[in-house]
């Protein structure tokens, strides 16, 4: 599997996980978005749109509904751009 030549500095870098038959992580590689699209057989923008369409709520909505969880992740949450 081709890996990103720029490593962590590549703005299009993704991490591909290799899982065993039980679903446990056994390896990971940094790959380009283009490599991911080749492996998945579809453009990432289509896959992202499909995933968003199947999600019944946003992370922000989840955190708004669970104050304890929100407190744990408050430092990682940024306000949406208006």
Protein backbone atom coordinates (compact mmCIF):
# COMPACT_ATOMS: atom_id res chain seq x y z
CA UNK A 1 0.00 0.00 0.00
CA UNK A 2 1.53 3.35 -0.99
CA UNK A 3 2.11 5.67 1.94
CA UNK A 4 2.27 9.44 2.00
CA UNK A 5 5.72 10.69 1.00
CA UNK A 6 5.35 13.69 3.33
CA UNK A 7 4.29 11.63 6.35
CA UNK A 8 2.64 13.69 9.09
CA UNK A 9 3.22 16.94 7.17
CA UNK A 10 0.94 15.89 4.30
CA UNK A 11 -2.33 17.88 4.53
CA UNK A 12 -4.16 15.08 2.71
CA UNK A 13 -2.84 12.37 5.03
CA UNK A 14 -5.23 9.82 6.45
CA UNK A 15 -4.53 6.86 8.72
CA UNK A 16 -5.46 3.41 7.42
CA UNK A 17 -5.97 0.83 10.16
CA UNK A 18 -5.23 -2.85 9.62
CA UNK A 19 -7.49 -4.99 11.78
CA UNK A 20 -7.38 -8.69 12.59
CA UNK A 21 -10.44 -10.95 12.23
CA UNK A 22 -11.65 -9.89 15.69
CA UNK A 23 -11.46 -6.21 14.76
CA UNK A 24 -8.39 -5.50 16.89
CA UNK A 25 -5.87 -3.00 15.52
CA UNK A 26 -2.64 -4.67 14.43
CA UNK A 27 -1.06 -1.95 12.28
CA UNK A 28 -1.65 1.52 10.88
CA UNK A 29 -0.17 3.42 7.95
CA UNK A 30 -0.35 7.02 6.85
CA UNK A 31 -1.78 7.21 3.35
CA UNK A 32 -2.94 9.92 0.98
CA UNK A 33 -6.58 10.68 0.30
CA UNK A 34 -6.05 9.43 -3.24
CA UNK A 35 -4.84 6.06 -1.94
CA UNK A 36 -7.87 5.83 0.36
CA UNK A 37 -10.20 6.51 -2.56
CA UNK A 38 -8.52 3.78 -4.60
CA UNK A 39 -8.82 1.30 -1.73
CA UNK A 40 -12.44 2.21 -0.96
CA UNK A 41 -13.50 2.43 -4.59
CA UNK A 42 -15.36 5.72 -4.13
CA UNK A 43 -14.51 9.40 -3.74
CA UNK A 44 -14.11 10.51 -0.12
CA UNK A 45 -16.56 13.40 -0.55
CA UNK A 46 -19.28 10.86 -1.47
CA UNK A 47 -18.44 8.65 1.50
CA UNK A 48 -18.41 11.62 3.88
CA UNK A 49 -21.76 12.89 2.55
CA UNK A 50 -23.25 9.39 2.92
CA UNK A 51 -21.98 9.12 6.50
CA UNK A 52 -23.36 12.54 7.40
CA UNK A 53 -26.73 11.64 5.91
CA UNK A 54 -26.88 8.50 8.05
CA UNK A 55 -25.91 10.29 11.27
CA UNK A 56 -28.93 11.24 13.35
CA UNK A 57 -27.12 13.98 15.30
CA UNK A 58 -23.93 16.01 15.38
CA UNK A 59 -21.20 15.77 17.99
CA UNK A 60 -22.26 19.22 19.19
CA UNK A 61 -25.82 18.01 19.71
CA UNK A 62 -24.55 14.97 21.62
CA UNK A 63 -22.42 17.14 23.90
CA UNK A 64 -25.32 19.55 24.43
CA UNK A 65 -27.47 16.64 25.59
CA UNK A 66 -24.84 15.17 27.95
CA UNK A 67 -23.25 17.78 30.27
CA UNK A 68 -20.89 15.24 31.87
CA UNK A 69 -19.52 14.18 28.50
CA UNK A 70 -19.33 17.81 27.40
CA UNK A 71 -17.25 18.69 30.47
CA UNK A 72 -14.73 15.98 29.58
CA UNK A 73 -14.32 17.28 26.04
CA UNK A 74 -14.87 21.01 26.53
CA UNK A 75 -11.26 21.88 25.70
CA UNK A 76 -11.54 20.05 22.35
CA UNK A 77 -14.78 21.67 21.25
CA UNK A 78 -14.67 24.82 19.14
CA UNK A 79 -17.68 26.97 18.26
CA UNK A 80 -19.05 26.55 14.75
CA UNK A 81 -18.13 29.26 12.27
CA UNK A 82 -21.04 31.54 11.44
